[in-house]
Every structure is written in C-alpha cells, then in structure tokens.
Amino acid sequence: MQAIPVIAEQAAHLTVFQRTPYFAVPLQNKPLSDAEDREIKAHYAELRASARAHYGGVNILEARPHAMADTPEARRAHYQSRYDAGGFNVWCGSYGDIFHDAEANETAAEFVREKIRERVRDPKIAEMLCPRPGVTYGTKRQPCESGYFETYNRDNVTLVDIHAAPIAAITPRGVRTSDAEYALDYLIYATGFDAFTAALFKMNVSGRGGRSLNEHWAAGPRTYLGLCTAGFPNLFNITGPQSPSVFYNFPPGIEMHCEWIAACIEYMEARGLGTIDADPASEEDWLKHIVELADRSLMPKASSWYMGDSIPGKPRVFMFYLGGGKRYRELIEREAAAGYPGFRFAAARAEPVPAVS
C-alpha cells in the first residue's frame, strides 16, 4: 500500500497480485505552514503529554462511545470528519464500540467501502478492492495511505485477484496464475512478516537450565506485564508481546518501558539485587487477562498477524494488551509502587555474570 503508488508513477506497467483487499484511509498529509510549525513547537510538552495519555498514544480526538447511538446521518457525518482528519482518526477516534460490537463495526466498514468506491472509477475494480461484507473493520493492522486507491485509475496498472485466479507458478517470464501468465521484469514480494516473536527467537535466547525462549513460548508468548518472562532473568522486553505494543504509538511506548526498566534497575541496585524475572503465577494470570480482553473484542475473529495467522504453523493466540496505553501505564506504575510483587528477585553475586545467554 505504501510502495504501489510510487512504483506506478515510474513503471511502464505495474501488475498487482492482491491476496486480500484491505480497509484503508488516507493519511491526509500536507505541508505545514510556518505558523502551524511554530504553533506545534511552542506546545511540544502539552502535545506529548496528551499523546501519552491517549488510548493509542496519538493526538487525535477521543472516540464517541457508541456508533448506534447516532442517527445514520449524524454517524456518517462523524465518520467523514474523522476521515478528513486523516490517519488513525477513523480507527481510534470515531466510535469506541467498533472494536467490540459487530453491528457498530459494520457501519465503519461500509463507510470505508463507500470511500473506496468513490475513489476508484471502474466499479468492478472498486469491488475487488473492497473487503467483502462481514469482514470486520480495524481488526487487522490498520494501514493508512496516500493515493493508493487512485493508483487503480491509471492505465498502466492491472489488478489481479489471486483468490479468483490463484498463482500457479513463478516462471522464467514472470508469474502464471490459473488463467493467464504475466511477463515481468521485476517481481516484488510484499507479503508481510513474522510479528512479535520472530526477532527474539532468532536471537536464540536461553534462560535458566538452558531452556530456550522458543521452547517456553512454543504455545505463544508468556510474560508478566509484557516486560519479563519467568525463567529468563534480566531479559526485559520493550514494546514486545503482551504489552500495548502495536496498538500504541511506538515512541511514547518505548519511553514508557525504558523509564520503567531504568527505575526498576535503580531499585535493584539500591537493594543489592542482581536478577529479576516474572513470577510464574503472575505470568499465568497476565496471559489469562490478555486473552480475556481480546475475547471481549472482535479481534480474534479476524485472520491477521495480531493472531499469528500470517505464519503457517504459528500458534493462533492474541499477542498484545488491548486495554490501552493509559491503563497499561497505570498498571506498571502501580506494580513498581508496590515493590514489584509480581516479579522474582535474587541477590547480586560478587562477580556479576550474564543471567541470560
């Protein structure tokens, strides 16, 4: 979605092999005037504070509670105002219940479908780009775009639905589907990635008794507060699994974790403590809480990398905290203020040794 509009401007012809149509809204980026630039810089501290306090860590309006409480006309006007504001405003700043109520969610989904149909001239292609009715809005990672749908109005762009005509083979000439072969000079893979756990697994981390993190997380991530894992002393995670992670703006999310970890290390050094890891019972309770929050939402009903669905054989579990960054900050700060009761500590050795290899 980010690459296609730019490539289409340069290529003689671009063929897009679409696996799944995606809901998306425009970023609405524009040049800032000097006056706007000065106004923002004069209020950095307030803007940062308000972003940190927002559910998603961004400076957008708080969502109204219930989509069905508005009339259809008022609801559409509200969606339009959020759409015009750009970015995550429809996703996180329209109605809070679109993540939990299927009827409310469908109002957001149909609004975005309408916008796709408005922007794509060929009705057949527009429908190919629209997620089908019943596919929930915002329960996959929400992309934002600049001119993506208008790209399909160009004469040098072809859209191929590989659900209707699956790819049969990569050939010396290009790509062959079940009904045609497409000659290509370049083939670009944009098929996603293994989220949340892959980077940690590739580090080949081992903890107490030589047990690997890959083994401990074989059925899915296990942490306490998304920060530490039982049996892996001094292994702190930053914006990783079972924290707000991808549902919270990363810069304030990273700051939140680093500030907490730094304060925890100071606490340990002041008391002669050398290692910290999660208490197994706390880890189990946090896992249950993650699942409970997810199950109250529509998220697990979607096929997404939030659930591990993008990787064949990966356990299908929800992998981040859905209670919002503000609530999460309160939880980790309360844990620290209480003396870290959900963690285990051990005294420092005379000769410090790495706790995790």
Protein backbone atom coordinates (compact mmCIF):
# COMPACT_ATOMS: atom_id res chain seq x y z
CA MET A 1 0.00 0.00 0.00
CA GLN A 2 2.96 2.32 0.58
CA ALA A 3 5.03 1.13 -2.37
CA ILE A 4 2.40 0.66 -5.09
CA PRO A 5 1.51 4.36 -5.71
CA VAL A 6 5.19 5.28 -6.04
CA ILE A 7 6.09 2.33 -8.27
CA ALA A 8 3.09 3.03 -10.52
CA GLU A 9 4.42 6.51 -11.23
CA GLN A 10 7.73 5.09 -12.52
CA ALA A 11 6.98 1.70 -14.08
CA ALA A 12 5.89 1.22 -17.67
CA HIS A 13 3.31 -1.17 -16.28
CA LEU A 14 2.54 -2.44 -12.78
CA THR A 15 0.61 -5.64 -12.09
CA VAL A 16 -0.65 -6.05 -8.52
CA PHE A 17 -1.37 -9.60 -7.37
CA GLN A 18 -3.77 -8.97 -4.49
CA ARG A 19 -4.17 -11.61 -1.82
CA THR A 20 -6.71 -9.83 0.39
CA PRO A 21 -8.43 -6.46 -0.09
CA TYR A 22 -7.77 -4.15 2.82
CA PHE A 23 -9.61 -1.36 4.56
CA ALA A 24 -7.51 1.79 4.43
CA VAL A 25 -7.96 5.52 4.91
CA PRO A 26 -5.84 8.44 3.69
CA LEU A 27 -3.10 9.98 5.77
CA GLN A 28 -4.18 13.44 4.58
CA ASN A 29 -0.59 14.63 4.86
CA LYS A 30 0.07 18.18 3.73
CA PRO A 31 2.84 20.77 4.01
CA LEU A 32 2.83 22.69 7.28
CA SER A 33 2.75 26.46 7.13
CA ASP A 34 5.33 28.39 9.14
CA ALA A 35 2.59 29.44 11.54
CA GLU A 36 1.46 25.83 12.10
CA ASP A 37 5.06 24.75 12.61
CA ARG A 38 5.64 27.45 15.25
CA GLU A 39 2.36 26.60 17.00
CA ILE A 40 3.25 22.90 17.27
CA LYS A 41 6.78 23.54 18.51
CA ALA A 42 5.50 26.01 21.10
CA HIS A 43 3.33 23.27 22.61
CA TYR A 44 5.52 20.18 22.36
CA ALA A 45 5.26 19.36 26.07
CA GLU A 46 1.46 19.51 26.11
CA LEU A 47 1.19 17.54 22.86
CA ARG A 48 3.49 14.80 24.17
CA ALA A 49 1.58 14.60 27.44
CA SER A 50 -1.78 14.32 25.70
CA ALA A 51 -0.45 11.68 23.30
CA ARG A 52 0.90 9.56 26.17
CA ALA A 53 -2.49 9.70 27.88
CA HIS A 54 -4.45 8.64 24.79
CA TYR A 55 -5.57 5.03 24.37
CA GLY A 56 -3.37 4.67 21.27
CA GLY A 57 -0.64 7.17 22.19
CA VAL A 58 -1.62 9.66 19.49
CA ASN A 59 -3.01 13.19 19.44
CA ILE A 60 -6.44 12.57 18.00
CA LEU A 61 -9.91 13.17 19.34
CA GLU A 62 -11.32 10.63 21.77
CA ALA A 63 -13.85 8.32 20.16
CA ARG A 64 -17.55 8.64 20.85
CA PRO A 65 -18.78 5.62 22.86
CA HIS A 66 -21.50 4.07 20.69
CA ALA A 67 -21.93 4.16 16.92
CA MET A 68 -25.57 3.09 17.00
CA ALA A 69 -26.48 5.91 19.39
CA ASP A 70 -26.17 8.40 16.48
CA THR A 71 -28.63 8.65 13.60
CA PRO A 72 -27.32 7.29 10.28
CA GLU A 73 -26.88 10.88 9.05
CA ALA A 74 -25.01 12.01 12.18
CA ARG A 75 -22.90 8.86 12.17
CA ARG A 76 -21.86 9.32 8.56
CA ALA A 77 -21.01 12.97 9.18
CA HIS A 78 -18.85 11.94 12.14
CA TYR A 79 -17.04 9.30 10.08
CA GLN A 80 -16.49 11.88 7.34
CA SER A 81 -14.98 14.36 9.81
CA ARG A 82 -12.62 11.66 11.08
CA TYR A 83 -11.79 10.58 7.51
CA ASP A 84 -10.96 14.17 6.58
CA ALA A 85 -8.72 14.45 9.65
CA GLY A 86 -6.72 11.50 8.30
CA GLY A 87 -4.50 8.86 9.74
CA PHE A 88 -5.89 6.77 12.59
CA ASN A 89 -8.83 9.08 13.26
CA VAL A 90 -11.45 6.73 11.81
CA TRP A 91 -9.82 3.74 13.51
CA CYS A 92 -9.24 5.13 17.00
CA GLY A 93 -11.18 8.39 17.00
CA SER A 94 -14.63 7.57 15.64
CA TYR A 95 -16.58 5.18 17.91
CA GLY A 96 -15.19 3.09 20.74
CA ASP A 97 -17.54 0.17 20.24
CA ILE A 98 -16.49 -0.64 16.67
CA PHE A 99 -13.91 -2.99 18.19
CA HIS A 100 -16.49 -4.87 20.26
CA ASP A 101 -19.88 -4.68 18.54
CA ALA A 102 -20.35 -6.29 15.12
CA GLU A 103 -23.25 -4.02 14.14
CA ALA A 104 -21.27 -0.89 15.04
CA ASN A 105 -18.21 -2.26 13.25
CA GLU A 106 -20.16 -2.80 10.05
CA THR A 107 -21.11 0.91 9.97
CA ALA A 108 -17.41 1.81 9.90
CA ALA A 109 -16.65 -0.93 7.38
CA GLU A 110 -19.37 0.18 4.99
CA PHE A 111 -18.31 3.83 5.27
CA VAL A 112 -14.75 2.92 4.20
CA ARG A 113 -16.09 0.75 1.37
CA GLU A 114 -18.12 3.74 0.15
CA LYS A 115 -14.98 5.89 0.10
CA ILE A 116 -13.12 3.25 -1.93
CA ARG A 117 -15.97 3.16 -4.46
CA GLU A 118 -15.90 6.96 -4.70
CA ARG A 119 -12.17 7.00 -5.40
CA VAL A 120 -11.93 4.15 -7.95
CA ARG A 121 -13.61 4.89 -11.28
CA ASP A 122 -14.11 1.32 -12.52
CA PRO A 123 -16.87 -0.26 -10.38
CA LYS A 124 -15.52 -3.77 -10.98
CA ILE A 125 -12.05 -2.84 -9.77
CA ALA A 126 -13.52 -0.90 -6.85
CA GLU A 127 -15.35 -4.02 -5.69
CA MET A 128 -12.14 -6.05 -5.99
CA LEU A 129 -10.52 -3.53 -3.63
CA CYS A 130 -13.38 -3.59 -1.10
CA PRO A 131 -13.28 -6.15 1.72
CA ARG A 132 -16.45 -8.22 1.42
CA PRO A 133 -19.44 -7.63 3.74
CA GLY A 134 -18.90 -9.39 7.04
CA VAL A 135 -15.16 -8.69 7.10
CA THR A 136 -14.60 -6.59 10.20
CA TYR A 137 -13.00 -3.16 10.01
CA GLY A 138 -9.89 -2.37 12.06
CA THR A 139 -9.37 -5.88 13.42
CA LYS A 140 -6.24 -6.23 11.31
CA ARG A 141 -3.39 -3.76 11.36
CA GLN A 142 -4.91 -0.54 10.04
CA PRO A 143 -2.90 0.87 7.12
CA CYS A 144 -3.00 4.49 6.05
CA GLU A 145 -2.25 5.58 2.51
CA SER A 146 -1.62 8.42 0.13
CA GLY A 147 -3.24 7.99 -3.28
CA TYR A 148 -3.37 4.20 -3.07
CA PHE A 149 -6.87 3.69 -4.45
CA GLU A 150 -6.45 6.35 -7.15
CA THR A 151 -3.49 4.29 -8.43
CA TYR A 152 -6.00 1.83 -9.90
CA ASN A 153 -7.41 4.60 -12.11
CA ARG A 154 -4.13 4.64 -14.05
CA ASP A 155 -3.91 2.96 -17.47
CA ASN A 156 -0.59 1.33 -16.57
CA VAL A 157 -1.88 -0.59 -13.52
CA THR A 158 -3.54 -4.02 -13.56
CA LEU A 159 -5.15 -5.60 -10.51
CA VAL A 160 -5.24 -9.41 -10.27
CA ASP A 161 -7.32 -11.12 -7.60
CA ILE A 162 -5.36 -14.26 -6.74
CA HIS A 163 -8.26 -15.70 -4.80
CA ALA A 164 -10.23 -15.80 -8.06
CA ALA A 165 -7.17 -16.78 -10.12
CA PRO A 166 -4.53 -18.32 -7.80
CA ILE A 167 -0.83 -18.12 -8.61
CA ALA A 168 0.23 -21.42 -10.13
CA ALA A 169 3.94 -20.80 -10.63
CA ILE A 170 6.78 -18.30 -10.82
CA THR A 171 8.11 -18.77 -14.34
CA PRO A 172 11.20 -17.56 -16.23
CA ARG A 173 8.98 -14.91 -17.81
CA GLY A 174 7.10 -13.79 -14.69
CA VAL A 175 4.02 -15.11 -12.87
CA ARG A 176 1.48 -17.64 -14.08
CA THR A 177 -1.96 -17.74 -12.50
CA SER A 178 -4.72 -20.26 -13.13
CA ASP A 179 -5.95 -18.26 -16.13
CA ALA A 180 -3.03 -16.19 -17.50
CA GLU A 181 0.71 -15.58 -17.50
CA TYR A 182 2.11 -12.12 -16.76
CA ALA A 183 5.50 -11.13 -18.15
CA LEU A 184 7.55 -9.17 -15.61
CA ASP A 185 10.95 -7.50 -15.42
CA TYR A 186 10.85 -7.39 -11.62
CA LEU A 187 8.87 -9.32 -9.01
CA ILE A 188 8.41 -7.54 -5.68
CA TYR A 189 7.35 -9.53 -2.64
CA ALA A 190 5.27 -7.53 -0.13
CA THR A 191 3.77 -10.38 1.83
CA GLY A 192 4.23 -9.35 5.44
CA PHE A 193 6.45 -10.57 8.24
CA ASP A 194 6.58 -12.73 11.36
CA ALA A 195 5.48 -10.27 14.04
CA PHE A 196 6.05 -10.09 17.80
CA THR A 197 8.22 -13.17 18.42
CA ALA A 198 10.44 -13.82 15.39
CA ALA A 199 13.18 -11.31 16.22
CA LEU A 200 13.51 -12.66 19.77
CA PHE A 201 13.51 -16.26 18.57
CA LYS A 202 16.28 -15.51 16.06
CA MET A 203 18.45 -14.25 18.94
CA ASN A 204 18.42 -17.83 20.30
CA VAL A 205 17.88 -16.67 23.89
CA SER A 206 18.21 -19.25 26.65
CA GLY A 207 17.36 -18.88 30.33
CA ARG A 208 17.62 -20.94 33.50
CA GLY A 209 18.60 -24.55 32.93
CA GLY A 210 19.38 -23.84 29.30
CA ARG A 211 15.68 -23.67 28.39
CA SER A 212 15.24 -21.64 25.23
CA LEU A 213 12.73 -18.84 24.84
CA ASN A 214 11.48 -20.65 21.75
CA GLU A 215 10.54 -23.62 23.96
CA HIS A 216 8.96 -21.50 26.69
CA TRP A 217 6.88 -19.62 24.11
CA ALA A 218 6.08 -22.66 21.96
CA ALA A 219 2.33 -22.16 22.55
CA GLY A 220 2.58 -18.36 22.31
CA PRO A 221 4.25 -15.52 24.23
CA ARG A 222 4.25 -15.68 28.04
CA THR A 223 5.25 -12.63 30.09
CA TYR A 224 4.22 -10.61 33.08
CA LEU A 225 3.04 -7.15 32.01
CA GLY A 226 4.83 -7.69 28.70
CA LEU A 227 8.07 -6.85 30.50
CA CYS A 228 9.71 -10.02 31.85
CA THR A 229 9.40 -13.77 31.38
CA ALA A 230 9.59 -16.45 34.08
CA GLY A 231 12.90 -18.29 33.97
CA PHE A 232 14.70 -15.63 31.91
CA PRO A 233 16.39 -13.30 34.40
CA ASN A 234 17.14 -9.74 33.35
CA LEU A 235 15.52 -10.18 29.94
CA PHE A 236 13.40 -7.05 29.57
CA ASN A 237 11.08 -6.68 26.59
CA ILE A 238 10.42 -3.23 25.12
CA THR A 239 7.10 -2.78 23.26
CA GLY A 240 7.05 -6.54 22.72
CA PRO A 241 4.39 -9.23 23.08
CA GLN A 242 1.64 -8.77 25.70
CA SER A 243 2.26 -5.05 26.10
CA PRO A 244 0.24 -2.37 24.22
CA SER A 245 2.89 -2.81 21.51
CA VAL A 246 1.42 -2.22 18.02
CA PHE A 247 -1.77 -0.70 19.44
CA TYR A 248 0.14 2.22 20.95
CA ASN A 249 2.34 4.83 19.30
CA PHE A 250 5.87 3.44 19.47
CA PRO A 251 7.91 6.48 20.60
CA PRO A 252 5.88 7.05 23.80
CA GLY A 253 5.56 3.28 24.18
CA ILE A 254 9.33 2.84 24.09
CA GLU A 255 9.78 5.75 26.51
CA MET A 256 7.23 4.23 28.90
CA HIS A 257 9.05 0.90 29.01
CA CYS A 258 12.56 2.33 29.17
CA GLU A 259 11.62 4.68 32.01
CA TRP A 260 10.06 1.80 33.95
CA ILE A 261 13.03 -0.51 33.34
CA ALA A 262 15.54 2.17 34.35
CA ALA A 263 13.65 2.82 37.60
CA CYS A 264 13.49 -0.93 38.26
CA ILE A 265 17.25 -1.29 37.80
CA GLU A 266 17.82 1.60 40.20
CA TYR A 267 15.52 -0.15 42.71
CA MET A 268 17.56 -3.36 42.35
CA GLU A 269 20.94 -1.67 42.64
CA ALA A 270 19.87 0.16 45.80
CA ARG A 271 18.99 -3.20 47.42
CA GLY A 272 21.86 -5.31 46.15
CA LEU A 273 19.65 -7.33 43.82
CA GLY A 274 21.20 -8.92 40.76
CA THR A 275 18.39 -10.58 38.83
CA ILE A 276 14.70 -10.13 38.13
CA ASP A 277 12.23 -12.27 36.25
CA ALA A 278 8.48 -12.82 36.25
CA ASP A 279 6.79 -14.90 38.91
CA PRO A 280 5.25 -17.92 37.10
CA ALA A 281 1.83 -17.37 38.72
CA SER A 282 1.85 -13.71 37.68
CA GLU A 283 2.83 -14.72 34.18
CA GLU A 284 -0.11 -17.14 34.00
CA ASP A 285 -2.55 -14.51 35.32
CA TRP A 286 -1.35 -11.94 32.77
CA LEU A 287 -1.78 -14.42 29.93
CA LYS A 288 -5.38 -15.04 31.03
CA HIS A 289 -6.01 -11.28 31.21
CA ILE A 290 -4.64 -10.78 27.67
CA VAL A 291 -6.97 -13.49 26.36
CA GLU A 292 -9.98 -12.17 28.30
CA LEU A 293 -9.57 -8.66 26.88
CA ALA A 294 -9.12 -9.99 23.35
CA ASP A 295 -12.14 -12.27 23.60
CA ARG A 296 -14.35 -9.31 24.52
CA SER A 297 -13.41 -7.76 21.18
CA LEU A 298 -13.82 -8.68 17.53
CA MET A 299 -10.05 -9.05 17.08
CA PRO A 300 -9.76 -12.86 17.34
CA LYS A 301 -12.46 -13.28 14.68
CA ALA A 302 -10.17 -11.80 12.02
CA SER A 303 -7.33 -13.59 10.27
CA SER A 304 -4.33 -11.36 10.99
CA TRP A 305 -0.77 -11.27 12.21
CA TYR A 306 -2.17 -10.00 15.52
CA MET A 307 -3.19 -13.65 15.94
CA GLY A 308 -0.14 -15.21 14.27
CA ASP A 309 -2.18 -16.14 11.18
CA SER A 310 0.41 -14.83 8.71
CA ILE A 311 2.87 -17.64 9.52
CA PRO A 312 1.88 -21.27 8.78
CA GLY A 313 2.15 -23.38 11.93
CA LYS A 314 2.43 -20.44 14.32
CA PRO A 315 0.19 -20.80 17.41
CA ARG A 316 -3.02 -18.82 17.00
CA VAL A 317 -3.03 -16.59 20.07
CA PHE A 318 -3.68 -12.89 20.60
CA MET A 319 -0.34 -11.24 21.31
CA PHE A 320 -0.79 -7.76 22.75
CA TYR A 321 -2.55 -5.91 25.57
CA LEU A 322 -5.84 -4.43 24.41
CA GLY A 323 -6.60 -2.23 27.42
CA GLY A 324 -4.86 0.85 26.03
CA GLY A 325 -1.64 2.66 26.83
CA LYS A 326 -3.09 4.87 29.56
CA ARG A 327 -4.48 1.93 31.52
CA TYR A 328 -1.30 -0.07 30.95
CA ARG A 329 0.87 2.74 32.30
CA GLU A 330 -1.26 2.81 35.44
CA LEU A 331 -0.77 -0.95 35.88
CA ILE A 332 3.02 -0.95 35.55
CA GLU A 333 3.41 2.14 37.74
CA ARG A 334 1.21 0.54 40.41
CA GLU A 335 3.37 -2.59 40.23
CA ALA A 336 6.53 -0.56 40.81
CA ALA A 337 4.99 1.47 43.65
CA ALA A 338 4.02 -1.78 45.42
CA GLY A 339 7.57 -3.12 45.28
CA TYR A 340 7.19 -5.35 42.19
CA PRO A 341 5.11 -8.14 43.81
CA GLY A 342 4.60 -9.97 40.52
CA PHE A 343 8.34 -10.41 39.94
CA ARG A 344 11.10 -12.54 41.49
CA PHE A 345 14.43 -11.12 42.58
CA ALA A 346 17.76 -12.67 43.57
CA ALA A 347 20.74 -11.09 45.30
CA ALA A 348 23.66 -9.91 43.20
CA ARG A 349 26.71 -12.16 43.03
CA ALA A 350 30.15 -10.93 43.97
CA GLU A 351 31.20 -11.49 40.36
CA PRO A 352 28.33 -10.43 38.11
CA VAL A 353 27.56 -12.90 35.34
CA PRO A 354 25.13 -12.61 32.48
CA ALA A 355 21.75 -14.01 33.53
CA VAL A 356 20.55 -14.71 30.03
CA SER A 357 22.66 -16.01 27.17
